[in-house]
N, C-alpha and C. Protein backbone atom coordinates (compact mmCIF):
# COMPACT_ATOMS: atom_id res chain seq x y z
N MET A 1 -158.27 -98.07 -66.15
CA MET A 1 -157.25 -98.87 -65.94
C MET A 1 -157.35 -100.44 -66.80
N LYS A 2 -158.69 -100.87 -66.55
CA LYS A 2 -159.04 -101.91 -67.16
C LYS A 2 -159.10 -101.94 -68.79
N LYS A 3 -159.21 -100.54 -69.23
CA LYS A 3 -159.18 -100.48 -70.54
C LYS A 3 -157.85 -100.72 -70.99
N ILE A 4 -157.03 -100.01 -70.46
CA ILE A 4 -155.42 -100.14 -70.54
C ILE A 4 -155.00 -101.47 -70.76
N ILE A 5 -155.21 -102.37 -69.61
CA ILE A 5 -154.98 -103.73 -69.55
C ILE A 5 -155.57 -104.65 -70.70
N LEU A 6 -156.93 -104.35 -71.07
CA LEU A 6 -157.47 -105.14 -72.20
C LEU A 6 -156.76 -104.89 -73.38
N ILE A 7 -156.49 -103.63 -73.69
CA ILE A 7 -155.81 -103.07 -75.07
C ILE A 7 -154.44 -103.56 -75.03
N SER A 8 -153.72 -103.46 -73.87
CA SER A 8 -152.43 -104.23 -73.94
C SER A 8 -152.29 -105.76 -74.16
N SER A 9 -153.32 -106.43 -73.43
CA SER A 9 -153.66 -107.69 -73.64
C SER A 9 -153.85 -108.09 -75.10
N LEU A 10 -154.89 -107.47 -75.67
CA LEU A 10 -155.04 -107.85 -77.07
C LEU A 10 -153.78 -107.46 -78.02
N ALA A 11 -152.95 -106.29 -77.67
CA ALA A 11 -151.95 -106.03 -78.43
C ALA A 11 -150.95 -107.09 -78.52
N PHE A 12 -150.73 -107.55 -77.36
CA PHE A 12 -149.79 -108.92 -77.04
C PHE A 12 -150.26 -109.95 -77.85
N LEU A 13 -151.50 -110.40 -77.91
CA LEU A 13 -152.15 -111.63 -78.33
C LEU A 13 -152.00 -111.29 -79.75
N ALA A 14 -152.14 -110.10 -80.35
CA ALA A 14 -152.11 -110.04 -81.84
C ALA A 14 -150.71 -109.90 -82.54
N THR A 15 -149.63 -109.77 -81.76
CA THR A 15 -148.48 -110.01 -82.27
C THR A 15 -147.76 -111.26 -82.08
N ALA A 16 -146.93 -111.59 -83.18
CA ALA A 16 -146.16 -112.74 -82.96
C ALA A 16 -145.03 -112.67 -82.94
N CYS A 17 -143.99 -113.26 -82.31
CA CYS A 17 -142.75 -113.27 -82.33
C CYS A 17 -141.91 -113.83 -83.36
N THR A 18 -141.30 -113.25 -84.60
CA THR A 18 -140.46 -114.01 -85.27
C THR A 18 -139.27 -114.17 -85.02
N SER A 19 -138.83 -115.28 -85.16
CA SER A 19 -137.55 -115.66 -84.72
C SER A 19 -136.54 -115.87 -85.91
N ILE A 20 -135.42 -115.09 -86.40
CA ILE A 20 -134.74 -115.21 -87.58
C ILE A 20 -133.51 -115.54 -86.87
N GLN A 21 -132.72 -116.46 -87.11
CA GLN A 21 -131.48 -116.83 -86.82
C GLN A 21 -130.49 -117.23 -88.07
N VAL A 22 -129.43 -116.48 -88.13
CA VAL A 22 -128.78 -116.42 -89.32
C VAL A 22 -127.07 -116.46 -88.92
N GLN A 23 -126.30 -117.63 -89.56
CA GLN A 23 -125.03 -117.69 -89.57
C GLN A 23 -124.59 -117.26 -90.97
N PRO A 24 -124.31 -116.08 -91.23
CA PRO A 24 -123.95 -115.76 -92.71
C PRO A 24 -122.47 -116.25 -93.20
N ILE A 25 -122.45 -116.32 -94.39
CA ILE A 25 -121.17 -116.76 -94.92
C ILE A 25 -120.19 -115.71 -94.45
N LYS A 26 -119.09 -116.05 -94.59
CA LYS A 26 -117.75 -115.21 -94.23
C LYS A 26 -117.67 -114.26 -95.40
N SER A 27 -117.06 -113.21 -95.04
CA SER A 27 -116.94 -112.09 -96.15
C SER A 27 -115.96 -112.58 -97.29
N GLY A 28 -115.23 -113.36 -97.04
CA GLY A 28 -114.11 -113.86 -98.22
C GLY A 28 -114.70 -114.70 -99.03
N LEU A 29 -115.79 -115.24 -98.70
CA LEU A 29 -116.50 -116.30 -99.43
C LEU A 29 -117.61 -115.59 -100.57
N ASN A 30 -117.27 -115.77 -101.88
CA ASN A 30 -118.05 -115.17 -102.89
C ASN A 30 -118.43 -116.25 -103.75
N PRO A 31 -119.41 -116.95 -103.46
CA PRO A 31 -120.02 -117.89 -104.38
C PRO A 31 -120.34 -117.25 -105.78
N GLU A 32 -119.99 -118.06 -106.78
CA GLU A 32 -120.65 -117.41 -108.15
C GLU A 32 -121.69 -118.17 -108.44
N LYS A 33 -121.96 -119.41 -107.96
CA LYS A 33 -123.01 -120.28 -108.28
C LYS A 33 -123.17 -121.11 -107.17
N ILE A 34 -124.63 -121.35 -106.68
CA ILE A 34 -125.10 -122.17 -105.67
C ILE A 34 -126.18 -123.31 -106.50
N CYS A 35 -125.69 -124.48 -106.06
CA CYS A 35 -126.55 -125.68 -106.42
C CYS A 35 -127.38 -125.95 -105.34
N ILE A 36 -128.93 -125.66 -105.56
CA ILE A 36 -129.89 -126.13 -104.54
C ILE A 36 -130.54 -127.52 -104.81
N GLU A 37 -130.46 -128.48 -103.81
CA GLU A 37 -131.13 -129.79 -103.92
C GLU A 37 -132.75 -129.39 -103.59
N GLU A 38 -133.27 -129.87 -104.69
CA GLU A 38 -134.67 -129.72 -104.67
C GLU A 38 -135.39 -130.88 -103.51
N ASN A 39 -136.37 -130.11 -102.68
CA ASN A 39 -136.88 -130.92 -101.57
C ASN A 39 -138.44 -131.23 -102.00
N PRO A 40 -138.67 -132.44 -102.45
CA PRO A 40 -140.06 -132.43 -102.73
C PRO A 40 -141.07 -132.70 -101.88
N LYS A 41 -140.58 -132.65 -100.40
CA LYS A 41 -141.43 -132.72 -99.24
C LYS A 41 -142.08 -131.43 -98.73
N VAL A 42 -141.33 -130.40 -99.51
CA VAL A 42 -141.56 -128.91 -99.01
C VAL A 42 -143.03 -128.60 -99.94
N ILE A 43 -144.24 -128.26 -99.16
CA ILE A 43 -145.32 -127.90 -99.79
C ILE A 43 -145.54 -126.31 -99.98
N VAL A 44 -144.71 -125.66 -99.71
CA VAL A 44 -144.81 -124.23 -99.85
C VAL A 44 -144.40 -123.85 -101.24
N GLY A 45 -145.58 -123.66 -102.16
CA GLY A 45 -145.62 -123.67 -103.38
C GLY A 45 -144.41 -122.72 -104.32
N ASP A 46 -144.35 -121.71 -103.49
CA ASP A 46 -143.34 -120.67 -104.03
C ASP A 46 -141.92 -120.51 -103.49
N PHE A 47 -141.72 -121.63 -102.52
CA PHE A 47 -140.71 -121.32 -101.77
C PHE A 47 -139.19 -121.46 -102.55
N LEU A 48 -139.13 -122.39 -103.44
CA LEU A 48 -137.81 -122.65 -104.19
C LEU A 48 -137.66 -121.39 -105.06
N SER A 49 -138.69 -121.04 -105.78
CA SER A 49 -138.52 -119.95 -106.79
C SER A 49 -138.09 -118.56 -105.70
N VAL A 50 -138.96 -118.39 -104.97
CA VAL A 50 -138.50 -117.13 -103.95
C VAL A 50 -136.82 -117.25 -103.60
N VAL A 51 -136.48 -118.47 -103.04
CA VAL A 51 -135.02 -118.40 -102.52
C VAL A 51 -134.09 -118.33 -103.89
N ARG A 52 -134.24 -118.71 -105.02
CA ARG A 52 -133.59 -118.68 -106.30
C ARG A 52 -133.45 -117.42 -106.80
N ASN A 53 -134.58 -116.86 -106.66
CA ASN A 53 -134.63 -115.42 -107.23
C ASN A 53 -133.92 -114.43 -106.42
N ARG A 54 -133.98 -114.52 -105.22
CA ARG A 54 -133.34 -113.69 -104.21
C ARG A 54 -131.71 -113.96 -104.25
N ILE A 55 -131.39 -115.09 -104.52
CA ILE A 55 -130.01 -115.40 -104.63
C ILE A 55 -129.55 -115.01 -105.77
N GLU A 56 -130.30 -115.11 -106.86
CA GLU A 56 -129.67 -114.29 -108.19
C GLU A 56 -129.86 -112.87 -108.39
N TYR A 57 -130.80 -112.35 -107.42
CA TYR A 57 -130.63 -110.85 -107.22
C TYR A 57 -129.53 -110.29 -106.88
N HIS A 58 -128.62 -111.30 -105.90
CA HIS A 58 -127.25 -110.79 -105.66
C HIS A 58 -126.16 -111.20 -106.65
N GLY A 59 -126.42 -111.51 -108.07
CA GLY A 59 -125.53 -111.77 -108.91
C GLY A 59 -125.05 -113.34 -108.80
N ILE A 60 -125.81 -114.25 -108.17
CA ILE A 60 -125.15 -115.67 -108.04
C ILE A 60 -126.16 -116.45 -108.77
N ASP A 61 -125.47 -117.20 -109.71
CA ASP A 61 -126.20 -118.17 -110.36
C ASP A 61 -126.83 -119.32 -109.41
N THR A 62 -128.05 -119.86 -109.83
CA THR A 62 -128.40 -121.06 -109.10
C THR A 62 -128.49 -122.04 -110.17
N GLU A 63 -128.68 -123.47 -109.72
CA GLU A 63 -129.00 -124.56 -110.52
C GLU A 63 -129.84 -125.62 -109.35
N VAL A 64 -130.93 -126.01 -109.74
CA VAL A 64 -131.49 -127.03 -108.91
C VAL A 64 -131.36 -128.47 -109.35
N TYR A 65 -130.87 -129.21 -108.39
CA TYR A 65 -130.87 -130.87 -108.80
C TYR A 65 -131.75 -131.28 -108.20
N GLU A 66 -131.89 -132.71 -108.38
CA GLU A 66 -132.77 -133.80 -107.75
C GLU A 66 -132.09 -134.69 -106.78
N ASN A 67 -130.96 -135.50 -107.28
CA ASN A 67 -130.36 -136.61 -106.80
C ASN A 67 -128.87 -136.21 -106.42
N ASP A 68 -127.84 -136.61 -107.22
CA ASP A 68 -126.83 -136.24 -107.40
C ASP A 68 -126.27 -134.75 -107.61
N ILE A 69 -125.31 -134.43 -106.84
CA ILE A 69 -124.99 -133.00 -107.01
C ILE A 69 -124.02 -132.87 -108.41
N PRO A 70 -124.41 -131.91 -109.35
CA PRO A 70 -123.83 -131.80 -110.52
C PRO A 70 -122.39 -131.30 -110.54
N GLU A 71 -121.70 -131.63 -111.37
CA GLU A 71 -120.36 -131.43 -111.47
C GLU A 71 -120.03 -129.94 -111.31
N GLY A 72 -118.98 -129.80 -110.67
CA GLY A 72 -118.62 -128.18 -110.86
C GLY A 72 -119.42 -127.35 -109.74
N CYS A 73 -120.21 -128.14 -108.63
CA CYS A 73 -121.00 -127.22 -107.95
C CYS A 73 -120.31 -127.25 -106.42
N GLU A 74 -119.47 -126.18 -106.20
CA GLU A 74 -118.69 -126.15 -105.02
C GLU A 74 -119.75 -125.78 -104.13
N TYR A 75 -120.71 -124.92 -104.04
CA TYR A 75 -121.64 -124.51 -103.16
C TYR A 75 -122.77 -125.21 -103.44
N THR A 76 -123.34 -125.65 -102.19
CA THR A 76 -124.73 -126.24 -102.31
C THR A 76 -125.61 -125.88 -101.23
N MET A 77 -126.90 -126.03 -101.57
CA MET A 77 -127.85 -125.56 -100.58
C MET A 77 -129.12 -126.70 -100.44
N THR A 78 -129.52 -126.85 -98.99
CA THR A 78 -130.73 -127.80 -98.83
C THR A 78 -131.67 -126.84 -97.95
N TYR A 79 -132.85 -127.19 -98.01
CA TYR A 79 -133.65 -126.31 -97.26
C TYR A 79 -134.95 -127.24 -96.95
N THR A 80 -135.66 -126.54 -96.22
CA THR A 80 -136.89 -127.04 -95.53
C THR A 80 -137.79 -125.87 -95.29
N ALA A 81 -139.34 -125.99 -95.53
CA ALA A 81 -140.29 -125.13 -95.22
C ALA A 81 -141.46 -125.76 -94.65
N LEU A 82 -142.23 -125.33 -93.92
CA LEU A 82 -143.28 -125.65 -93.22
C LEU A 82 -144.55 -124.93 -93.27
N LYS A 83 -145.65 -125.40 -93.55
CA LYS A 83 -146.86 -124.52 -93.57
C LYS A 83 -147.80 -124.93 -92.42
N ASN A 84 -148.53 -124.06 -92.04
CA ASN A 84 -149.65 -124.37 -91.02
C ASN A 84 -151.01 -123.90 -91.58
N TRP A 85 -152.21 -124.09 -90.87
CA TRP A 85 -153.21 -123.72 -91.32
C TRP A 85 -153.94 -123.09 -90.17
N ASP A 86 -154.68 -121.73 -90.42
CA ASP A 86 -155.41 -121.02 -89.62
C ASP A 86 -156.34 -120.14 -90.35
N LEU A 87 -157.44 -120.37 -90.99
CA LEU A 87 -158.14 -119.93 -91.80
C LEU A 87 -157.64 -119.57 -93.20
N GLY A 88 -156.57 -120.51 -93.40
CA GLY A 88 -155.89 -120.45 -94.75
C GLY A 88 -154.43 -120.94 -94.22
N THR A 89 -153.56 -121.25 -95.41
CA THR A 89 -152.11 -121.82 -95.03
C THR A 89 -151.24 -120.53 -95.20
N TYR A 90 -150.23 -120.75 -94.30
CA TYR A 90 -149.14 -119.75 -94.28
C TYR A 90 -147.93 -120.56 -93.81
N MET A 91 -146.86 -120.21 -94.25
CA MET A 91 -145.35 -120.52 -94.09
C MET A 91 -145.07 -120.20 -92.61
N HIS A 92 -144.73 -121.07 -91.78
CA HIS A 92 -144.23 -120.82 -90.30
C HIS A 92 -143.15 -121.19 -90.02
N HIS A 93 -142.28 -121.80 -90.79
CA HIS A 93 -140.97 -121.96 -90.38
C HIS A 93 -140.32 -122.42 -91.87
N ALA A 94 -138.83 -122.18 -91.78
CA ALA A 94 -138.07 -122.54 -92.80
C ALA A 94 -136.50 -122.54 -92.58
N GLU A 95 -135.65 -123.25 -93.00
CA GLU A 95 -134.50 -123.38 -93.03
C GLU A 95 -133.55 -123.65 -94.26
N LEU A 96 -132.38 -123.06 -94.23
CA LEU A 96 -131.70 -122.81 -95.25
C LEU A 96 -130.23 -123.27 -94.86
N ARG A 97 -129.54 -124.40 -95.53
CA ARG A 97 -128.24 -124.83 -95.27
C ARG A 97 -127.29 -124.62 -96.34
N LEU A 98 -126.36 -123.91 -96.24
CA LEU A 98 -125.38 -123.52 -97.25
C LEU A 98 -124.09 -124.37 -97.07
N GLU A 99 -123.42 -125.15 -97.97
CA GLU A 99 -122.40 -125.85 -98.03
C GLU A 99 -121.45 -125.58 -99.11
N ARG A 100 -119.91 -125.74 -98.64
CA ARG A 100 -119.02 -125.46 -99.59
C ARG A 100 -118.12 -126.76 -99.49
N ASN A 101 -118.19 -127.65 -100.66
CA ASN A 101 -117.31 -128.94 -100.65
C ASN A 101 -117.83 -129.70 -99.62
N GLY A 102 -119.00 -129.74 -99.02
CA GLY A 102 -119.48 -130.59 -97.92
C GLY A 102 -119.41 -130.27 -96.64
N ARG A 103 -118.73 -128.88 -96.39
CA ARG A 103 -118.68 -128.18 -95.20
C ARG A 103 -119.65 -126.93 -94.73
N ARG A 104 -120.25 -127.06 -93.93
CA ARG A 104 -121.23 -125.96 -93.64
C ARG A 104 -120.70 -124.76 -93.76
N VAL A 105 -121.07 -123.65 -94.38
CA VAL A 105 -120.57 -122.43 -94.35
C VAL A 105 -121.63 -121.36 -94.07
N GLY A 106 -122.89 -121.87 -94.04
CA GLY A 106 -123.75 -120.73 -93.85
C GLY A 106 -125.28 -121.40 -93.24
N TYR A 107 -125.90 -120.85 -92.42
CA TYR A 107 -127.23 -121.61 -92.18
C TYR A 107 -128.12 -120.43 -91.63
N ALA A 108 -129.60 -120.46 -92.10
CA ALA A 108 -130.60 -119.56 -91.81
C ALA A 108 -131.89 -119.97 -91.41
N GLU A 109 -132.61 -119.66 -90.41
CA GLU A 109 -133.91 -120.22 -90.08
C GLU A 109 -134.93 -118.82 -89.79
N TYR A 110 -135.93 -119.16 -90.26
CA TYR A 110 -136.90 -118.18 -90.03
C TYR A 110 -138.18 -119.10 -89.33
N HIS A 111 -138.56 -118.54 -88.23
CA HIS A 111 -139.63 -119.12 -87.37
C HIS A 111 -140.49 -118.15 -86.68
N LEU A 112 -141.68 -118.66 -87.02
CA LEU A 112 -143.00 -117.91 -86.21
C LEU A 112 -143.21 -118.67 -84.88
N ASN A 113 -142.63 -118.17 -83.82
CA ASN A 113 -143.11 -118.61 -82.62
C ASN A 113 -144.58 -118.81 -82.45
N GLY A 114 -144.98 -119.92 -81.73
CA GLY A 114 -146.44 -120.07 -81.63
C GLY A 114 -147.10 -120.20 -82.95
N LYS A 115 -146.28 -120.42 -83.93
CA LYS A 115 -146.96 -120.68 -85.25
C LYS A 115 -147.77 -119.33 -85.76
N GLY A 116 -147.30 -118.19 -85.18
CA GLY A 116 -147.98 -116.95 -85.63
C GLY A 116 -148.96 -116.55 -84.69
N GLY A 117 -149.52 -117.33 -83.61
CA GLY A 117 -150.52 -116.68 -82.91
C GLY A 117 -151.69 -116.13 -83.70
N LEU A 118 -152.26 -114.93 -83.11
CA LEU A 118 -153.27 -114.36 -83.77
C LEU A 118 -152.63 -113.12 -84.79
N SER A 119 -151.48 -112.93 -84.92
CA SER A 119 -150.96 -111.95 -85.70
C SER A 119 -151.35 -112.22 -87.15
N LEU A 120 -151.56 -111.14 -87.73
CA LEU A 120 -152.17 -110.92 -89.27
C LEU A 120 -150.75 -111.08 -90.26
N LEU A 121 -149.65 -110.91 -89.65
CA LEU A 121 -148.49 -110.85 -90.31
C LEU A 121 -148.20 -112.17 -90.76
N LYS A 122 -148.62 -113.25 -90.01
CA LYS A 122 -148.38 -114.70 -90.46
C LYS A 122 -148.48 -114.98 -91.83
N TRP A 123 -149.57 -114.24 -92.48
CA TRP A 123 -150.05 -114.37 -93.80
C TRP A 123 -149.16 -113.80 -94.90
N GLN A 124 -148.24 -113.00 -94.36
CA GLN A 124 -147.45 -112.33 -95.35
C GLN A 124 -146.91 -113.31 -96.17
N GLY A 125 -146.53 -113.15 -97.34
CA GLY A 125 -146.18 -113.99 -98.40
C GLY A 125 -144.59 -114.41 -98.19
N THR A 126 -144.07 -115.69 -98.77
CA THR A 126 -143.09 -116.21 -98.72
C THR A 126 -141.87 -115.14 -99.06
N LYS A 127 -142.07 -114.30 -100.21
CA LYS A 127 -141.07 -113.23 -100.51
C LYS A 127 -140.63 -112.44 -99.48
N THR A 128 -141.81 -111.92 -98.77
CA THR A 128 -141.57 -110.90 -97.53
C THR A 128 -140.81 -111.58 -96.44
N LYS A 129 -141.26 -112.87 -96.27
CA LYS A 129 -140.45 -113.42 -95.06
C LYS A 129 -139.23 -113.85 -95.45
N MET A 130 -138.84 -114.28 -96.55
CA MET A 130 -137.47 -114.93 -96.91
C MET A 130 -136.52 -113.91 -97.46
N ASP A 131 -136.98 -112.91 -98.31
CA ASP A 131 -135.93 -112.08 -98.80
C ASP A 131 -134.93 -111.67 -97.86
N PRO A 132 -135.14 -111.03 -96.73
CA PRO A 132 -134.24 -110.50 -95.77
C PRO A 132 -133.37 -111.56 -95.06
N VAL A 133 -134.18 -112.86 -94.90
CA VAL A 133 -133.35 -113.98 -94.50
C VAL A 133 -132.14 -114.39 -95.31
N VAL A 134 -132.36 -114.52 -96.82
CA VAL A 134 -131.50 -114.93 -97.85
C VAL A 134 -130.53 -113.63 -97.82
N ASP A 135 -130.74 -112.58 -97.81
CA ASP A 135 -129.94 -111.37 -97.85
C ASP A 135 -128.78 -111.34 -96.63
N GLU A 136 -129.44 -111.80 -95.32
CA GLU A 136 -128.46 -111.97 -94.31
C GLU A 136 -127.60 -113.12 -94.41
N LEU A 137 -128.10 -114.12 -94.98
CA LEU A 137 -127.26 -115.34 -95.18
C LEU A 137 -126.09 -115.03 -96.18
N LEU A 138 -126.28 -114.46 -97.05
CA LEU A 138 -125.21 -114.23 -98.25
C LEU A 138 -124.52 -113.11 -97.79
N GLY A 139 -124.85 -112.36 -96.49
CA GLY A 139 -123.90 -111.31 -95.94
C GLY A 139 -124.29 -109.99 -96.75
N LYS A 140 -125.26 -109.68 -97.43
CA LYS A 140 -125.66 -108.54 -98.04
C LYS A 140 -126.55 -107.70 -97.28
């Protein structure tokens, strides 16, 4: 019995709850292009390229801008991503906000509860973590 309790406890500690909350865009919205405001505070090195590549995978063009929204950008996206350290760095939180002409039309959040705990899955790459989130945000 003690062995079962020990194994169950270790299994519980080794898993992390990943929380993904998405408010996808409505099915009638079909953006042809999404302009993404670059966030220089994000230090997850591949985050922007991963998100862009996944959006473009769905046939939607992307453009990155720094200050003013470029002309003709009906859809804009802002983002944040946070890293943590535990024998190495890993992304533990990210948010994507999608707007159409200044009104929010979609939102997605990826979050490792407890910053991943003892789970080895917390070191999965940004692509593995964010591809399904972007897919769900875009209603794909």
